[in-house]
Protein backbone atom coordinates (compact mmCIF):
# COMPACT_ATOMS: atom_id res chain seq x y z
CA UNK A 1 -13.14 -1.87 -15.41
CA UNK A 2 -13.44 -5.35 -16.84
CA UNK A 3 -13.36 -8.35 -14.54
CA UNK A 4 -13.30 -12.00 -15.48
CA UNK A 5 -16.40 -14.08 -14.65
CA UNK A 6 -14.56 -16.21 -12.06
CA UNK A 7 -13.53 -13.13 -10.08
CA UNK A 8 -17.08 -11.79 -10.17
CA UNK A 9 -18.38 -15.19 -8.98
CA UNK A 10 -15.90 -15.18 -6.08
CA UNK A 11 -16.83 -11.61 -5.14
CA UNK A 12 -20.52 -12.52 -5.13
CA UNK A 13 -19.89 -15.67 -3.07
CA UNK A 14 -17.90 -13.71 -0.47
CA UNK A 15 -20.30 -10.75 -0.30
CA UNK A 16 -22.17 -11.78 2.86
CA UNK A 17 -19.15 -13.12 4.76
CA UNK A 18 -16.67 -10.56 3.37
CA UNK A 19 -14.15 -13.38 3.02
CA UNK A 20 -10.79 -12.59 1.47
CA UNK A 21 -10.63 -12.60 -2.32
CA UNK A 22 -7.49 -12.50 -4.45
CA UNK A 23 -7.26 -10.58 -7.72
CA UNK A 24 -4.66 -9.58 -10.27
CA UNK A 25 -5.58 -5.96 -11.06
CA UNK A 26 -4.39 -4.09 -14.15
CA UNK A 27 -3.58 -0.41 -13.78
CA UNK A 28 -4.08 2.09 -16.60
CA UNK A 29 -1.01 2.88 -18.72
CA UNK A 30 -0.35 4.60 -22.02
CA UNK A 31 -0.39 2.20 -24.92
CA UNK A 32 3.04 1.80 -26.48
CA UNK A 33 4.78 3.97 -23.88
CA UNK A 34 7.66 2.60 -21.81
CA UNK A 35 6.76 1.33 -18.35
CA UNK A 36 6.75 4.06 -15.73
CA UNK A 37 7.16 2.49 -12.30
CA UNK A 38 6.40 5.76 -10.51
CA UNK A 39 3.12 6.21 -12.40
CA UNK A 40 2.06 2.61 -11.77
CA UNK A 41 2.75 3.10 -8.04
CA UNK A 42 0.96 6.46 -7.94
CA UNK A 43 -2.11 5.18 -9.78
CA UNK A 44 -2.30 2.05 -7.66
CA UNK A 45 -1.90 4.01 -4.42
CA UNK A 46 -4.56 6.50 -5.49
CA UNK A 47 -7.04 3.78 -6.43
CA UNK A 48 -6.28 1.75 -3.30
CA UNK A 49 -6.63 4.79 -1.02
CA UNK A 50 -10.10 5.53 -2.41
CA UNK A 51 -11.19 1.89 -2.12
CA UNK A 52 -9.90 1.67 1.48
CA UNK A 53 -11.67 4.93 2.40
CA UNK A 54 -14.93 3.72 0.87
CA UNK A 55 -14.87 0.32 2.57
CA UNK A 56 -12.93 1.03 5.78
CA UNK A 57 -10.88 -2.11 5.09
CA UNK A 58 -7.26 -2.97 4.32
CA UNK A 59 -5.71 -5.48 1.92
CA UNK A 60 -4.00 -8.47 3.52
CA UNK A 61 -1.46 -8.81 0.71
CA UNK A 62 -0.26 -6.57 -2.14
CA UNK A 63 2.40 -7.43 -4.69
CA UNK A 64 3.06 -5.03 -7.56
CA UNK A 65 4.44 -6.26 -10.87
CA UNK A 66 5.61 -2.94 -12.28
CA UNK A 67 6.66 -4.14 -15.73
CA UNK A 68 3.17 -5.49 -16.32
CA UNK A 69 1.32 -2.63 -14.59
CA UNK A 70 -0.43 -5.30 -12.52
CA UNK A 71 -0.93 -5.71 -8.78
CA UNK A 72 -1.82 -8.96 -7.05
CA UNK A 73 -4.10 -8.02 -4.17
CA UNK A 74 -5.80 -10.07 -1.48
CA UNK A 75 -8.38 -8.51 0.77
CA UNK A 76 -12.03 -8.36 1.79
CA UNK A 77 -14.40 -8.79 -1.14
CA UNK A 78 -15.86 -5.32 -0.71
CA UNK A 79 -12.35 -3.80 -0.97
CA UNK A 80 -11.66 -5.67 -4.22
CA UNK A 81 -15.05 -4.67 -5.62
CA UNK A 82 -14.44 -1.00 -4.71
CA UNK A 83 -10.98 -1.17 -6.28
CA UNK A 84 -12.47 -2.43 -9.55
CA UNK A 85 -14.68 0.68 -9.68
CA UNK A 86 -11.68 3.06 -9.64
CA UNK A 87 -10.81 4.87 -12.90
CA UNK A 88 -7.13 3.86 -12.66
CA UNK A 89 -8.06 0.17 -12.83
CA UNK A 90 -8.62 -1.26 -16.31
CA UNK A 91 -9.38 -4.88 -15.48
CA UNK A 92 -8.90 -7.80 -13.14
CA UNK A 93 -8.79 -11.57 -13.05
CA UNK A 94 -9.25 -13.97 -10.15
CA UNK A 95 -6.10 -14.66 -8.19
CA UNK A 96 -7.37 -18.10 -7.15
CA UNK A 97 -9.25 -20.78 -9.00
CA UNK A 98 -10.99 -23.59 -7.10
CA UNK A 99 -9.21 -22.54 -3.93
CA UNK A 100 -5.78 -22.75 -5.54
CA UNK A 101 -3.44 -19.79 -5.46
CA UNK A 102 -2.21 -18.68 -8.86
CA UNK A 103 1.48 -19.17 -9.57
CA UNK A 104 2.36 -15.50 -9.28
CA UNK A 105 1.28 -15.42 -5.65
CA UNK A 106 3.56 -17.80 -3.82
CA UNK A 107 5.68 -19.98 -6.05
CA UNK A 108 9.24 -19.34 -7.13
CA UNK A 109 10.11 -19.54 -10.86
CA UNK A 110 11.57 -23.03 -10.29
CA UNK A 111 8.33 -24.22 -8.66
CA UNK A 112 6.26 -22.85 -11.55
CA UNK A 113 8.25 -24.94 -14.02
CA UNK A 114 7.27 -28.21 -12.36
């Protein structure tokens, strides 16, 4: 899968300490097809189960945005890296920049507007 350079930098920086890293992960979907919530959930669960088995770790936070086929995930860097290697995952971007949480993580729509 494709990952943005900032996410890769954060994963590399957290490698030795296994600090928590946040990522917005895109799940594979058919181009032009209507959103299928069940398939997004199934693919995400399958990919996450493999990544958890490989790393013996758990995510600290998961939020699924079904209409976008995206999941916001926080967890140990090795879990995020293993998740990126799964065939169901098509790409990812950093969930935090310069220590700041992205808007989709914790702000309400009203807070994002300010």
